Amino acid sequence: MKLKSSTSKYNLLLFFVLTFLLSLSFIGCRNQTANQTKENTNSQSQQSKTDSNENKNAEGTKAMNDKVESPFACVMSALNKDEQKRVLELVETIKKNIKEVKELPDGYAFQLPLENQLLRDTAEFITYERLCCPFFDFELAIDREGGPMWLRLKGREGVKDFIRTEFGMK
């Protein structure tokens, strides 16, 4: 799988894509908040109608087990301007060092050479990226006996397209 060379056009495109996704994030957050408020109102109404402790306990258990997922969009406001700039630099560093790309069912694995500075850069990338893109699952693995390092970016449906865009993959 070939990666595009980094150009200012790519960075500009990435900026517009991330800005667009950020705007979707705000819309998604508003809709999610409205839906949660509606669900909370319905839930309270249901609980007041039932006198059964068994039903109340079952609903409480269900609510505790439901996992709320963040909107599928970058939250650029989670990073200041310097951090946003640094993330772009780190993405470029990672991209130019990729030795192999493996497609996974729910994302991609990027093989990187095991070099101390690249390991630090990759870990720094994860520390920022997890804040603005909480829908990612991150895995950083180092094979034994001096083997390569693997950065795995995974997540729910749609994440693969996002990764392809972020890393300039065809």
N, C-alpha and C. Protein backbone atom coordinates (compact mmCIF):
# COMPACT_ATOMS: atom_id res chain seq x y z
N MET A 1 0.84 -1.16 0.00
CA MET A 1 0.00 0.00 0.00
C MET A 1 0.89 1.23 0.00
N LYS A 2 0.73 2.12 -0.98
CA LYS A 2 1.58 3.29 -1.08
C LYS A 2 0.99 4.44 -0.28
N LEU A 3 1.86 5.27 0.30
CA LEU A 3 1.45 6.45 1.01
C LEU A 3 1.80 7.67 0.18
N LYS A 4 0.95 8.67 0.16
CA LYS A 4 1.23 9.89 -0.57
C LYS A 4 2.35 10.65 0.12
N SER A 5 3.15 11.35 -0.65
CA SER A 5 4.18 12.16 -0.04
C SER A 5 3.50 13.35 0.61
N SER A 6 4.13 13.86 1.68
CA SER A 6 3.52 14.98 2.40
C SER A 6 3.69 16.26 1.59
N THR A 7 2.60 16.96 1.42
CA THR A 7 2.62 18.23 0.71
C THR A 7 1.76 19.21 1.46
N SER A 8 1.93 20.47 1.13
CA SER A 8 1.09 21.47 1.77
C SER A 8 -0.36 21.29 1.36
N LYS A 9 -0.61 20.77 0.15
CA LYS A 9 -1.98 20.51 -0.28
C LYS A 9 -2.62 19.46 0.62
N TYR A 10 -1.86 18.42 0.94
CA TYR A 10 -2.38 17.38 1.82
C TYR A 10 -2.71 17.96 3.19
N ASN A 11 -1.80 18.78 3.73
CA ASN A 11 -2.03 19.36 5.04
C ASN A 11 -3.25 20.27 5.02
N LEU A 12 -3.43 21.02 3.94
CA LEU A 12 -4.59 21.88 3.82
C LEU A 12 -5.86 21.04 3.73
N LEU A 13 -5.82 19.98 2.95
CA LEU A 13 -6.97 19.08 2.84
C LEU A 13 -7.28 18.46 4.19
N LEU A 14 -6.26 18.01 4.89
CA LEU A 14 -6.44 17.42 6.21
C LEU A 14 -7.07 18.43 7.15
N PHE A 15 -6.63 19.69 7.09
CA PHE A 15 -7.21 20.73 7.93
C PHE A 15 -8.70 20.88 7.65
N PHE A 16 -9.08 20.94 6.34
CA PHE A 16 -10.48 21.10 6.01
C PHE A 16 -11.30 19.87 6.42
N VAL A 17 -10.76 18.69 6.25
CA VAL A 17 -11.47 17.47 6.66
C VAL A 17 -11.67 17.47 8.17
N LEU A 18 -10.62 17.80 8.91
CA LEU A 18 -10.73 17.82 10.37
C LEU A 18 -11.70 18.90 10.84
N THR A 19 -11.69 20.07 10.17
CA THR A 19 -12.63 21.13 10.51
C THR A 19 -14.06 20.68 10.26
N PHE A 20 -14.28 20.02 9.12
CA PHE A 20 -15.61 19.51 8.80
C PHE A 20 -16.05 18.49 9.85
N LEU A 21 -15.15 17.57 10.20
CA LEU A 21 -15.49 16.55 11.18
C LEU A 21 -15.76 17.17 12.55
N LEU A 22 -15.03 18.23 12.88
CA LEU A 22 -15.26 18.93 14.14
C LEU A 22 -16.65 19.53 14.16
N SER A 23 -17.07 20.12 13.04
CA SER A 23 -18.42 20.69 13.00
C SER A 23 -19.48 19.59 13.18
N LEU A 24 -19.24 18.43 12.59
CA LEU A 24 -20.16 17.31 12.78
C LEU A 24 -20.19 16.87 14.23
N SER A 25 -19.04 16.96 14.89
CA SER A 25 -18.95 16.59 16.29
C SER A 25 -19.88 17.44 17.14
N PHE A 26 -19.89 18.75 16.89
CA PHE A 26 -20.76 19.63 17.66
C PHE A 26 -22.23 19.29 17.42
N ILE A 27 -22.58 19.00 16.17
CA ILE A 27 -23.95 18.62 15.86
C ILE A 27 -24.29 17.32 16.55
N GLY A 28 -23.38 16.36 16.48
CA GLY A 28 -23.59 15.06 17.13
C GLY A 28 -23.73 15.19 18.63
N CYS A 29 -22.91 16.06 19.24
CA CYS A 29 -22.99 16.26 20.69
C CYS A 29 -24.33 16.85 21.08
N ARG A 30 -24.82 17.83 20.30
CA ARG A 30 -26.11 18.44 20.59
C ARG A 30 -27.22 17.41 20.47
N ASN A 31 -27.19 16.60 19.40
CA ASN A 31 -28.21 15.57 19.21
C ASN A 31 -28.13 14.53 20.30
N GLN A 32 -26.91 14.15 20.65
CA GLN A 32 -26.72 13.13 21.68
C GLN A 32 -27.25 13.64 23.01
N THR A 33 -26.99 14.91 23.35
CA THR A 33 -27.46 15.50 24.60
C THR A 33 -28.98 15.55 24.61
N ALA A 34 -29.58 15.95 23.48
CA ALA A 34 -31.05 16.00 23.40
C ALA A 34 -31.64 14.62 23.58
N ASN A 35 -31.04 13.61 22.92
CA ASN A 35 -31.54 12.24 23.05
C ASN A 35 -31.39 11.72 24.47
N GLN A 36 -30.26 12.06 25.11
CA GLN A 36 -30.05 11.60 26.48
C GLN A 36 -31.08 12.24 27.42
N THR A 37 -31.37 13.53 27.21
CA THR A 37 -32.35 14.21 28.04
C THR A 37 -33.71 13.56 27.87
N LYS A 38 -34.08 13.26 26.61
CA LYS A 38 -35.35 12.61 26.33
C LYS A 38 -35.40 11.22 26.97
N GLU A 39 -34.28 10.46 26.85
CA GLU A 39 -34.23 9.13 27.45
C GLU A 39 -34.33 9.22 28.96
N ASN A 40 -33.65 10.20 29.56
CA ASN A 40 -33.71 10.36 31.02
C ASN A 40 -35.12 10.68 31.48
N THR A 41 -35.84 11.56 30.73
CA THR A 41 -37.22 11.90 31.07
C THR A 41 -38.11 10.67 30.97
N ASN A 42 -37.96 9.90 29.88
CA ASN A 42 -38.74 8.68 29.71
C ASN A 42 -38.43 7.67 30.80
N SER A 43 -37.16 7.56 31.14
CA SER A 43 -36.75 6.60 32.16
C SER A 43 -37.34 6.96 33.52
N GLN A 44 -37.31 8.27 33.86
CA GLN A 44 -37.86 8.71 35.13
C GLN A 44 -39.37 8.47 35.18
N SER A 45 -40.04 8.71 34.07
CA SER A 45 -41.48 8.48 34.00
C SER A 45 -41.81 7.01 34.20
N GLN A 46 -41.02 6.15 33.56
CA GLN A 46 -41.25 4.70 33.70
C GLN A 46 -41.03 4.26 35.14
N GLN A 47 -39.98 4.78 35.76
CA GLN A 47 -39.66 4.35 37.12
C GLN A 47 -40.74 4.78 38.10
N SER A 48 -41.35 5.93 37.87
CA SER A 48 -42.39 6.38 38.79
C SER A 48 -43.67 5.56 38.64
N LYS A 49 -43.87 4.94 37.49
CA LYS A 49 -45.06 4.13 37.26
C LYS A 49 -44.97 2.74 37.87
N THR A 50 -43.78 2.27 38.11
CA THR A 50 -43.64 0.91 38.63
C THR A 50 -43.27 0.92 40.10
N ASP A 51 -43.86 0.04 40.86
CA ASP A 51 -43.56 -0.07 42.28
C ASP A 51 -42.65 -1.25 42.57
N SER A 52 -42.32 -2.00 41.55
CA SER A 52 -41.56 -3.21 41.74
C SER A 52 -40.07 -2.90 41.90
N ASN A 53 -39.46 -3.30 43.02
CA ASN A 53 -38.02 -3.14 43.21
C ASN A 53 -37.24 -3.94 42.18
N GLU A 54 -37.80 -5.06 41.77
CA GLU A 54 -37.12 -5.90 40.78
C GLU A 54 -36.95 -5.15 39.47
N ASN A 55 -38.00 -4.47 38.99
CA ASN A 55 -37.92 -3.70 37.76
C ASN A 55 -36.95 -2.53 37.89
N LYS A 56 -36.98 -1.87 39.03
CA LYS A 56 -36.06 -0.74 39.24
C LYS A 56 -34.62 -1.21 39.22
N ASN A 57 -34.33 -2.33 39.85
CA ASN A 57 -32.97 -2.85 39.86
C ASN A 57 -32.53 -3.27 38.46
N ALA A 58 -33.41 -3.87 37.70
CA ALA A 58 -33.07 -4.30 36.33
C ALA A 58 -32.75 -3.09 35.47
N GLU A 59 -33.55 -2.02 35.57
CA GLU A 59 -33.28 -0.83 34.77
C GLU A 59 -31.97 -0.18 35.19
N GLY A 60 -31.71 -0.13 36.49
CA GLY A 60 -30.46 0.45 36.98
C GLY A 60 -29.25 -0.31 36.48
N THR A 61 -29.34 -1.63 36.47
CA THR A 61 -28.24 -2.46 35.97
C THR A 61 -28.04 -2.22 34.47
N LYS A 62 -29.15 -2.14 33.73
CA LYS A 62 -29.05 -1.90 32.28
C LYS A 62 -28.37 -0.56 32.02
N ALA A 63 -28.75 0.50 32.74
CA ALA A 63 -28.18 1.82 32.53
C ALA A 63 -26.68 1.83 32.82
N MET A 64 -26.27 1.08 33.84
CA MET A 64 -24.85 1.04 34.18
C MET A 64 -24.05 0.30 33.11
N ASN A 65 -24.67 -0.65 32.41
CA ASN A 65 -23.96 -1.44 31.41
C ASN A 65 -23.95 -0.81 30.02
N ASP A 66 -24.84 0.17 29.77
CA ASP A 66 -24.87 0.84 28.47
C ASP A 66 -23.63 1.71 28.32
N LYS A 67 -22.95 1.56 27.20
CA LYS A 67 -21.74 2.35 26.94
C LYS A 67 -22.09 3.45 25.95
N VAL A 68 -21.88 4.68 26.35
CA VAL A 68 -22.14 5.81 25.47
C VAL A 68 -20.88 6.07 24.66
N GLU A 69 -21.04 6.08 23.34
CA GLU A 69 -19.90 6.32 22.47
C GLU A 69 -19.87 7.78 22.05
N SER A 70 -18.66 8.30 21.92
CA SER A 70 -18.49 9.68 21.48
C SER A 70 -18.88 9.80 20.02
N PRO A 71 -19.22 11.01 19.59
CA PRO A 71 -19.49 11.21 18.16
C PRO A 71 -18.24 10.87 17.35
N PHE A 72 -18.45 10.40 16.14
CA PHE A 72 -17.34 10.00 15.29
C PHE A 72 -16.80 11.24 14.57
N ALA A 73 -16.03 12.02 15.29
CA ALA A 73 -15.42 13.23 14.74
C ALA A 73 -14.32 13.68 15.67
N CYS A 74 -13.32 14.33 15.10
CA CYS A 74 -12.23 14.88 15.91
C CYS A 74 -12.75 16.02 16.77
N VAL A 75 -12.29 16.07 17.98
CA VAL A 75 -12.61 17.17 18.89
C VAL A 75 -11.34 18.02 18.98
N MET A 76 -11.17 18.87 17.97
CA MET A 76 -9.94 19.66 17.90
C MET A 76 -9.81 20.62 19.08
N SER A 77 -10.92 20.98 19.70
CA SER A 77 -10.87 21.87 20.85
C SER A 77 -10.20 21.20 22.06
N ALA A 78 -9.99 19.90 21.99
CA ALA A 78 -9.31 19.19 23.07
C ALA A 78 -7.82 19.50 23.08
N LEU A 79 -7.32 20.06 21.98
CA LEU A 79 -5.91 20.39 21.86
C LEU A 79 -5.76 21.88 21.60
N ASN A 80 -4.71 22.48 22.17
CA ASN A 80 -4.44 23.87 21.85
C ASN A 80 -3.72 23.93 20.49
N LYS A 81 -3.47 25.14 20.00
CA LYS A 81 -2.88 25.32 18.66
C LYS A 81 -1.52 24.64 18.54
N ASP A 82 -0.68 24.76 19.57
CA ASP A 82 0.64 24.12 19.53
C ASP A 82 0.53 22.60 19.49
N GLU A 83 -0.41 22.05 20.24
CA GLU A 83 -0.60 20.60 20.25
C GLU A 83 -1.15 20.13 18.91
N GLN A 84 -2.05 20.91 18.31
CA GLN A 84 -2.58 20.56 16.99
C GLN A 84 -1.45 20.52 15.96
N LYS A 85 -0.59 21.51 16.02
CA LYS A 85 0.56 21.56 15.10
C LYS A 85 1.48 20.36 15.34
N ARG A 86 1.71 20.07 16.61
CA ARG A 86 2.59 18.95 16.95
C ARG A 86 2.02 17.62 16.46
N VAL A 87 0.71 17.43 16.57
CA VAL A 87 0.09 16.19 16.08
C VAL A 87 0.34 16.02 14.59
N LEU A 88 0.19 17.10 13.83
CA LEU A 88 0.46 17.02 12.38
C LEU A 88 1.91 16.64 12.10
N GLU A 89 2.84 17.21 12.88
CA GLU A 89 4.26 16.85 12.74
C GLU A 89 4.48 15.38 13.06
N LEU A 90 3.85 14.90 14.13
CA LEU A 90 4.02 13.51 14.53
C LEU A 90 3.43 12.55 13.50
N VAL A 91 2.28 12.90 12.91
CA VAL A 91 1.69 12.07 11.86
C VAL A 91 2.66 11.97 10.69
N GLU A 92 3.26 13.09 10.31
CA GLU A 92 4.22 13.07 9.20
C GLU A 92 5.44 12.20 9.54
N THR A 93 5.93 12.31 10.77
CA THR A 93 7.08 11.49 11.20
C THR A 93 6.73 10.01 11.13
N ILE A 94 5.55 9.67 11.63
CA ILE A 94 5.12 8.26 11.60
C ILE A 94 4.95 7.79 10.17
N LYS A 95 4.28 8.60 9.34
CA LYS A 95 4.03 8.22 7.94
C LYS A 95 5.32 7.93 7.20
N LYS A 96 6.33 8.78 7.37
CA LYS A 96 7.57 8.58 6.61
C LYS A 96 8.40 7.40 7.11
N ASN A 97 8.05 6.86 8.28
CA ASN A 97 8.79 5.72 8.83
C ASN A 97 8.04 4.40 8.71
N ILE A 98 6.86 4.41 8.14
CA ILE A 98 6.08 3.18 8.01
C ILE A 98 6.79 2.21 7.06
N LYS A 99 7.02 1.00 7.54
CA LYS A 99 7.66 -0.04 6.74
C LYS A 99 6.65 -0.99 6.11
N GLU A 100 5.53 -1.19 6.81
CA GLU A 100 4.51 -2.11 6.33
C GLU A 100 3.17 -1.68 6.92
N VAL A 101 2.11 -1.89 6.15
CA VAL A 101 0.76 -1.61 6.61
C VAL A 101 -0.06 -2.89 6.49
N LYS A 102 -0.72 -3.25 7.57
CA LYS A 102 -1.61 -4.41 7.56
C LYS A 102 -3.03 -3.93 7.83
N GLU A 103 -3.93 -4.34 6.95
CA GLU A 103 -5.33 -4.01 7.17
C GLU A 103 -5.90 -5.00 8.18
N LEU A 104 -6.57 -4.47 9.18
CA LEU A 104 -7.22 -5.27 10.21
C LEU A 104 -8.73 -5.18 10.02
N PRO A 105 -9.49 -6.09 10.59
CA PRO A 105 -10.95 -6.02 10.43
C PRO A 105 -11.53 -4.69 10.90
N ASP A 106 -10.91 -4.08 11.90
CA ASP A 106 -11.45 -2.86 12.48
C ASP A 106 -10.45 -1.70 12.50
N GLY A 107 -9.46 -1.74 11.59
CA GLY A 107 -8.47 -0.66 11.54
C GLY A 107 -7.24 -1.04 10.74
N TYR A 108 -6.10 -0.49 11.15
CA TYR A 108 -4.84 -0.75 10.46
C TYR A 108 -3.71 -0.92 11.48
N ALA A 109 -2.70 -1.70 11.08
CA ALA A 109 -1.48 -1.84 11.87
C ALA A 109 -0.34 -1.30 11.02
N PHE A 110 0.47 -0.45 11.63
CA PHE A 110 1.60 0.17 10.95
C PHE A 110 2.89 -0.34 11.59
N GLN A 111 3.73 -0.97 10.76
CA GLN A 111 5.02 -1.43 11.27
C GLN A 111 6.01 -0.28 11.17
N LEU A 112 6.70 -0.05 12.29
CA LEU A 112 7.68 1.02 12.37
C LEU A 112 9.00 0.46 12.87
N PRO A 113 10.12 1.06 12.46
CA PRO A 113 11.39 0.59 13.00
C PRO A 113 11.49 0.93 14.49
N LEU A 114 12.13 0.06 15.22
CA LEU A 114 12.27 0.26 16.66
C LEU A 114 13.47 1.18 16.91
N GLU A 115 13.18 2.46 16.94
CA GLU A 115 14.18 3.49 17.23
C GLU A 115 13.66 4.30 18.41
N ASN A 116 14.54 4.64 19.32
CA ASN A 116 14.12 5.30 20.56
C ASN A 116 13.31 6.57 20.31
N GLN A 117 13.79 7.45 19.42
CA GLN A 117 13.08 8.70 19.18
C GLN A 117 11.72 8.44 18.54
N LEU A 118 11.66 7.51 17.61
CA LEU A 118 10.39 7.19 16.96
C LEU A 118 9.41 6.58 17.96
N LEU A 119 9.92 5.79 18.88
CA LEU A 119 9.07 5.23 19.95
C LEU A 119 8.48 6.36 20.79
N ARG A 120 9.31 7.33 21.16
CA ARG A 120 8.82 8.48 21.94
C ARG A 120 7.80 9.29 21.13
N ASP A 121 8.11 9.52 19.84
CA ASP A 121 7.19 10.28 18.98
C ASP A 121 5.85 9.58 18.83
N THR A 122 5.89 8.27 18.69
CA THR A 122 4.65 7.50 18.53
C THR A 122 3.83 7.54 19.81
N ALA A 123 4.49 7.42 20.94
CA ALA A 123 3.79 7.52 22.23
C ALA A 123 3.21 8.92 22.41
N GLU A 124 3.94 9.94 22.00
CA GLU A 124 3.44 11.32 22.10
C GLU A 124 2.22 11.50 21.19
N PHE A 125 2.28 10.93 19.99
CA PHE A 125 1.15 10.97 19.06
C PHE A 125 -0.10 10.39 19.74
N ILE A 126 0.05 9.25 20.39
CA ILE A 126 -1.08 8.61 21.07
C ILE A 126 -1.62 9.51 22.17
N THR A 127 -0.73 10.16 22.94
CA THR A 127 -1.21 11.00 24.05
C THR A 127 -2.08 12.14 23.56
N TYR A 128 -1.77 12.71 22.40
CA TYR A 128 -2.60 13.79 21.84
C TYR A 128 -3.82 13.24 21.11
N GLU A 129 -3.60 12.24 20.30
CA GLU A 129 -4.66 11.73 19.43
C GLU A 129 -5.82 11.15 20.24
N ARG A 130 -5.53 10.56 21.37
CA ARG A 130 -6.59 9.99 22.20
C ARG A 130 -7.52 11.07 22.76
N LEU A 131 -7.01 12.30 22.88
CA LEU A 131 -7.83 13.40 23.37
C LEU A 131 -8.78 13.94 22.31
N CYS A 132 -8.26 14.09 21.09
CA CYS A 132 -9.11 14.67 20.04
C CYS A 132 -9.90 13.61 19.28
N CYS A 133 -9.48 12.37 19.34
CA CYS A 133 -10.18 11.28 18.64
C CYS A 133 -10.44 10.12 19.61
N PRO A 134 -11.36 10.30 20.55
CA PRO A 134 -11.59 9.28 21.58
C PRO A 134 -12.23 8.01 21.05
N PHE A 135 -12.62 7.98 19.77
CA PHE A 135 -13.24 6.81 19.17
C PHE A 135 -12.20 5.79 18.71
N PHE A 136 -10.90 6.11 18.80
CA PHE A 136 -9.83 5.19 18.42
C PHE A 136 -9.49 4.25 19.57
N ASP A 137 -9.14 3.02 19.22
CA ASP A 137 -8.44 2.11 20.12
C ASP A 137 -6.99 2.15 19.68
N PHE A 138 -6.08 2.37 20.61
CA PHE A 138 -4.66 2.44 20.30
C PHE A 138 -3.94 1.24 20.88
N GLU A 139 -3.04 0.69 20.10
CA GLU A 139 -2.15 -0.36 20.59
C GLU A 139 -0.75 -0.04 20.08
N LEU A 140 0.21 -0.07 20.98
CA LEU A 140 1.61 0.10 20.62
C LEU A 140 2.32 -1.14 21.11
N ALA A 141 2.83 -1.92 20.18
CA ALA A 141 3.47 -3.19 20.53
C ALA A 141 4.89 -3.20 19.99
N ILE A 142 5.77 -3.82 20.75
CA ILE A 142 7.16 -3.99 20.31
C ILE A 142 7.45 -5.48 20.34
N ASP A 143 7.82 -6.00 19.17
CA ASP A 143 8.14 -7.43 19.09
C ASP A 143 9.43 -7.72 19.85
N ARG A 144 9.47 -8.90 20.40
CA ARG A 144 10.64 -9.30 21.19
C ARG A 144 11.90 -9.40 20.34
N GLU A 145 13.02 -9.49 21.02
CA GLU A 145 14.33 -9.70 20.37
C GLU A 145 14.67 -8.60 19.37
N GLY A 146 14.31 -7.37 19.70
CA GLY A 146 14.66 -6.25 18.83
C GLY A 146 13.84 -6.16 17.56
N GLY A 147 12.68 -6.82 17.57
CA GLY A 147 11.81 -6.79 16.40
C GLY A 147 11.18 -5.43 16.19
N PRO A 148 10.32 -5.32 15.22
CA PRO A 148 9.74 -4.01 14.90
C PRO A 148 8.69 -3.57 15.93
N MET A 149 8.34 -2.33 15.81
CA MET A 149 7.29 -1.73 16.61
C MET A 149 6.03 -1.69 15.74
N TRP A 150 4.88 -1.89 16.34
CA TRP A 150 3.60 -1.84 15.63
C TRP A 150 2.69 -0.84 16.29
N LEU A 151 2.16 0.09 15.52
CA LEU A 151 1.12 0.99 15.97
C LEU A 151 -0.17 0.50 15.35
N ARG A 152 -1.13 0.13 16.19
CA ARG A 152 -2.43 -0.32 15.70
C ARG A 152 -3.48 0.72 16.06
N LEU A 153 -4.16 1.20 15.04
CA LEU A 153 -5.28 2.13 15.22
C LEU A 153 -6.54 1.38 14.82
N LYS A 154 -7.45 1.25 15.76
CA LYS A 154 -8.66 0.48 15.51
C LYS A 154 -9.85 1.22 16.11
N GLY A 155 -11.04 0.73 15.78
CA GLY A 155 -12.24 1.33 16.35
C GLY A 155 -13.49 0.77 15.71
N ARG A 156 -14.56 1.50 15.93
CA ARG A 156 -15.85 1.05 15.42
C ARG A 156 -15.96 1.33 13.92
N GLU A 157 -17.11 0.98 13.36
CA GLU A 157 -17.34 1.13 11.93
C GLU A 157 -17.08 2.58 11.49
N GLY A 158 -16.37 2.74 10.39
CA GLY A 158 -16.06 4.06 9.85
C GLY A 158 -14.66 4.53 10.18
N VAL A 159 -14.03 3.89 11.16
CA VAL A 159 -12.70 4.31 11.59
C VAL A 159 -11.64 4.07 10.50
N LYS A 160 -11.82 3.02 9.72
CA LYS A 160 -10.82 2.71 8.68
C LYS A 160 -10.75 3.82 7.64
N ASP A 161 -11.90 4.36 7.25
CA ASP A 161 -11.90 5.47 6.30
C ASP A 161 -11.20 6.69 6.89
N PHE A 162 -11.45 6.93 8.15
CA PHE A 162 -10.81 8.06 8.83
C PHE A 162 -9.29 7.89 8.86
N ILE A 163 -8.82 6.69 9.17
CA ILE A 163 -7.38 6.42 9.22
C ILE A 163 -6.77 6.61 7.84
N ARG A 164 -7.44 6.10 6.81
CA ARG A 164 -6.91 6.26 5.44
C ARG A 164 -6.76 7.75 5.11
N THR A 165 -7.71 8.55 5.51
CA THR A 165 -7.63 9.99 5.25
C THR A 165 -6.49 10.62 6.04
N GLU A 166 -6.42 10.31 7.33
CA GLU A 166 -5.41 10.92 8.19
C GLU A 166 -4.00 10.55 7.75
N PHE A 167 -3.81 9.32 7.27
CA PHE A 167 -2.48 8.88 6.89
C PHE A 167 -2.26 8.94 5.39
N GLY A 168 -3.19 9.53 4.64
CA GLY A 168 -3.00 9.73 3.20
C GLY A 168 -2.89 8.44 2.44
N MET A 169 -3.69 7.44 2.81
CA MET A 169 -3.61 6.13 2.16
C MET A 169 -4.68 6.04 1.09
N LYS A 170 -4.36 5.31 0.03
CA LYS A 170 -5.35 5.07 -1.04
C LYS A 170 -6.14 3.83 -0.76
